[in-house]
C-alpha atoms as a PDB file:
ATOM      1  CA  MET A   1      -5.303  32.860-105.635  1.00  0.00           C
ATOM      2  CA  ASP A   2      -3.173  30.045-105.108  1.00  0.00           C
ATOM      3  CA  CYS A   3      -0.696  30.482-102.151  1.00  0.00           C
ATOM      4  CA  SER A   4       0.684  27.538-102.025  1.00  0.00           C
ATOM      5  CA  PHE A   5       3.879  29.043-103.393  1.00  0.00           C
ATOM      6  CA  ILE A   6       4.535  30.283 -99.825  1.00  0.00           C
ATOM      7  CA  ALA A   7       4.724  26.803 -98.234  1.00  0.00           C
ATOM      8  CA  LYS A   8       7.234  25.850-101.243  1.00  0.00           C
ATOM      9  CA  SER A   9       9.476  28.986-101.074  1.00  0.00           C
ATOM     10  CA  GLY A  10      11.603  27.197 -98.196  1.00  0.00           C
ATOM     11  CA  LYS A  11      11.730  30.694 -96.522  1.00  0.00           C
ATOM     12  CA  LYS A  12      10.502  31.972 -93.126  1.00  0.00           C
ATOM     13  CA  THR A  13       7.187  33.709 -93.619  1.00  0.00           C
ATOM     14  CA  PHE A  14       6.130  34.999 -90.792  1.00  0.00           C
ATOM     15  CA  GLY A  15       2.973  32.910 -90.106  1.00  0.00           C
ATOM     16  CA  LEU A  16       1.915  33.288 -93.878  1.00  0.00           C
ATOM     17  CA  ASP A  17       1.682  29.620 -94.814  1.00  0.00           C
ATOM     18  CA  GLN A  18      -0.469  28.542 -91.919  1.00  0.00           C
ATOM     19  CA  PHE A  19      -3.684  29.087 -93.496  1.00  0.00           C
ATOM     20  CA  TYR A  20      -3.130  27.099 -96.749  1.00  0.00           C
ATOM     21  CA  ASN A  21      -5.168  23.948 -96.820  1.00  0.00           C
ATOM     22  CA  GLY A  22      -6.094  23.625-100.632  1.00  0.00           C
ATOM     23  CA  ASN A  23     -10.130  23.812 -99.428  1.00  0.00           C
ATOM     24  CA  HIS A  24     -11.475  26.598-101.777  1.00  0.00           C
ATOM     25  CA  ASN A  25     -13.921  27.282 -99.421  1.00  0.00           C
ATOM     26  CA  ARG A  26     -11.296  28.700 -96.763  1.00  0.00           C
ATOM     27  CA  VAL A  27      -9.834  31.211 -99.110  1.00  0.00           C
ATOM     28  CA  GLU A  28     -11.588  34.408 -97.994  1.00  0.00           C
ATOM     29  CA  LYS A  29     -10.425  33.715 -94.285  1.00  0.00           C
ATOM     30  CA  GLY A  30      -6.953  32.735 -95.615  1.00  0.00           C
ATOM     31  CA  LEU A  31      -6.517  35.858 -97.547  1.00  0.00           C
ATOM     32  CA  PHE A  32      -7.481  37.699 -94.898  1.00  0.00           C
ATOM     33  CA  HIS A  33      -4.786  36.052 -92.623  1.00  0.00           C
ATOM     34  CA  PHE A  34      -2.215  36.813 -95.389  1.00  0.00           C
ATOM     35  CA  ASN A  35      -2.914  40.190 -95.870  1.00  0.00           C
ATOM     36  CA  ALA A  36      -2.650  40.536 -91.940  1.00  0.00           C
ATOM     37  CA  SER A  37       0.282  38.906 -91.980  1.00  0.00           C
ATOM     38  CA  PHE A  38       1.933  41.461 -94.039  1.00  0.00           C
ATOM     39  CA  THR A  39       0.528  44.571 -92.771  1.00  0.00           C
ATOM     40  CA  ALA A  40       2.189  43.126 -89.396  1.00  0.00           C
ATOM     41  CA  LEU A  41       5.419  42.806 -91.233  1.00  0.00           C
ATOM     42  CA  ASN A  42       5.504  46.243 -93.187  1.00  0.00           C
ATOM     43  CA  ILE A  43       4.609  47.982 -89.965  1.00  0.00           C
ATOM     44  CA  ALA A  44       7.543  46.257 -88.063  1.00  0.00           C
ATOM     45  CA  LYS A  45       9.668  47.186 -91.097  1.00  0.00           C
ATOM     46  CA  LEU A  46       8.554  50.794 -91.099  1.00  0.00           C
ATOM     47  CA  ASP A  47       9.217  50.808 -87.120  1.00  0.00           C
ATOM     48  CA  ALA A  48      12.528  49.539 -87.584  1.00  0.00           C
ATOM     49  CA  HIS A  49      13.280  52.026 -90.603  1.00  0.00           C
ATOM     50  CA  ARG A  50      12.290  54.789 -88.388  1.00  0.00           C
ATOM     51  CA  GLN A  51      14.448  53.761 -85.707  1.00  0.00           C
ATOM     52  CA  GLN A  52      17.725  53.230 -87.819  1.00  0.00           C
ATOM     53  CA  LEU A  53      19.973  55.982 -86.368  1.00  0.00           C
ATOM     54  CA  SER A  54      23.289  55.094 -88.400  1.00  0.00           C
ATOM     55  CA  GLN A  55      23.990  56.050 -92.285  1.00  0.00           C
ATOM     56  CA  LYS A  56      24.605  52.108 -92.768  1.00  0.00           C
ATOM     57  CA  PRO A  57      22.423  50.700 -95.288  1.00  0.00           C
ATOM     58  CA  PHE A  58      18.986  49.278 -93.763  1.00  0.00           C
ATOM     59  CA  VAL A  59      19.048  45.603 -92.887  1.00  0.00           C
ATOM     60  CA  PHE A  60      15.737  44.127 -91.538  1.00  0.00           C
ATOM     61  CA  SER A  61      15.396  40.939 -89.509  1.00  0.00           C
ATOM     62  CA  MET A  62      11.886  40.079 -87.977  1.00  0.00           C
ATOM     63  CA  ALA A  63      13.768  37.867 -85.622  1.00  0.00           C
ATOM     64  CA  SER A  64      15.561  40.511 -84.142  1.00  0.00           C
ATOM     65  CA  VAL A  65      12.313  42.892 -83.715  1.00  0.00           C
ATOM     66  CA  LYS A  66      10.652  39.915 -82.056  1.00  0.00           C
ATOM     67  CA  ARG A  67      13.944  39.642 -79.806  1.00  0.00           C
ATOM     68  CA  ARG A  68      13.961  43.330 -78.937  1.00  0.00           C
ATOM     69  CA  ALA A  69       9.933  43.483 -77.881  1.00  0.00           C
ATOM     70  CA  LEU A  70      10.439  40.695 -75.872  1.00  0.00           C
ATOM     71  CA  ASN A  71      13.760  42.041 -74.519  1.00  0.00           C
ATOM     72  CA  ASP A  72      11.696  45.430 -73.559  1.00  0.00           C
ATOM     73  CA  HIS A  73       8.811  43.529 -72.040  1.00  0.00           C
ATOM     74  CA  LEU A  74      11.062  41.380 -69.895  1.00  0.00           C
ATOM     75  CA  LEU A  75      12.624  44.714 -68.596  1.00  0.00           C
ATOM     76  CA  ASP A  76       9.956  46.529 -67.919  1.00  0.00           C
ATOM     77  CA  THR A  77       8.388  43.212 -66.037  1.00  0.00           C
ATOM     78  CA  PHE A  78      11.530  43.555 -64.173  1.00  0.00           C
ATOM     79  CA  ILE A  79      11.888  46.996 -63.193  1.00  0.00           C
ATOM     80  CA  SER A  80       8.111  47.141 -62.099  1.00  0.00           C
ATOM     81  CA  ARG A  81       8.436  43.938 -60.123  1.00  0.00           C
ATOM     82  CA  LEU A  82      11.590  44.762 -58.229  1.00  0.00           C
ATOM     83  CA  GLY A  83      10.272  48.697 -57.743  1.00  0.00           C
ATOM     84  CA  LEU A  84      13.006  50.240 -59.625  1.00  0.00           C
ATOM     85  CA  SER A  85      12.770  53.688 -61.214  1.00  0.00           C
ATOM     86  CA  PRO A  86      12.172  52.954 -64.878  1.00  0.00           C
ATOM     87  CA  THR A  87      13.589  56.715 -65.771  1.00  0.00           C
ATOM     88  CA  LEU A  88      17.154  55.730 -63.971  1.00  0.00           C
ATOM     89  CA  ILE A  89      17.041  52.578 -65.217  1.00  0.00           C
ATOM     90  CA  LYS A  90      16.564  53.254 -68.880  1.00  0.00           C
ATOM     91  CA  SER A  91      18.829  56.253 -68.671  1.00  0.00           C
ATOM     92  CA  HIS A  92      21.869  53.918 -67.879  1.00  0.00           C
ATOM     93  CA  PRO A  93      24.472  53.598 -71.000  1.00  0.00           C
ATOM     94  CA  ASN A  94      23.724  49.759 -70.722  1.00  0.00           C
ATOM     95  CA  TYR A  95      20.220  49.734 -70.989  1.00  0.00           C
ATOM     96  CA  GLN A  96      20.212  49.666 -74.667  1.00  0.00           C
ATOM     97  CA  ASN A  97      22.871  46.776 -74.497  1.00  0.00           C
ATOM     98  CA  LEU A  98      20.213  44.851 -72.712  1.00  0.00           C
ATOM     99  CA  ARG A  99      17.635  45.537 -74.853  1.00  0.00           C
ATOM    100  CA  ASP A 100      19.643  44.646 -77.985  1.00  0.00           C
ATOM    101  CA  TYR A 101      20.588  41.215 -76.129  1.00  0.00           C
ATOM    102  CA  GLY A 102      20.256  38.378 -78.533  1.00  0.00           C
ATOM    103  CA  VAL A 103      19.442  40.409 -81.660  1.00  0.00           C
ATOM    104  CA  ILE A 104      20.958  39.368 -84.825  1.00  0.00           C
ATOM    105  CA  ALA A 105      23.746  41.791 -85.494  1.00  0.00           C
ATOM    106  CA  ALA A 106      23.922  43.562 -89.112  1.00  0.00           C
END
């Protein structure tokens, strides 16, 4: 399978273009990376689809998923390091705004 089309497409590829180097001996390792990347992308898309609460058309952005995961990690770090109550903080009305900080608006 020739995966050189990925590098030529000019789109963001979620790391899918990193394995291709033209060496036929490395195709198996490259295809594993290709399949693993698509699996991660599809799992993220499925998770985002399940979390959608509104009736708007479904819009997916991997950059938004990554940003929200970073925000969740950062907020959890602040909560634990400052000795705050996670239940109290996460139930605050503005907590969702902090989680969505920097997320691409659809």
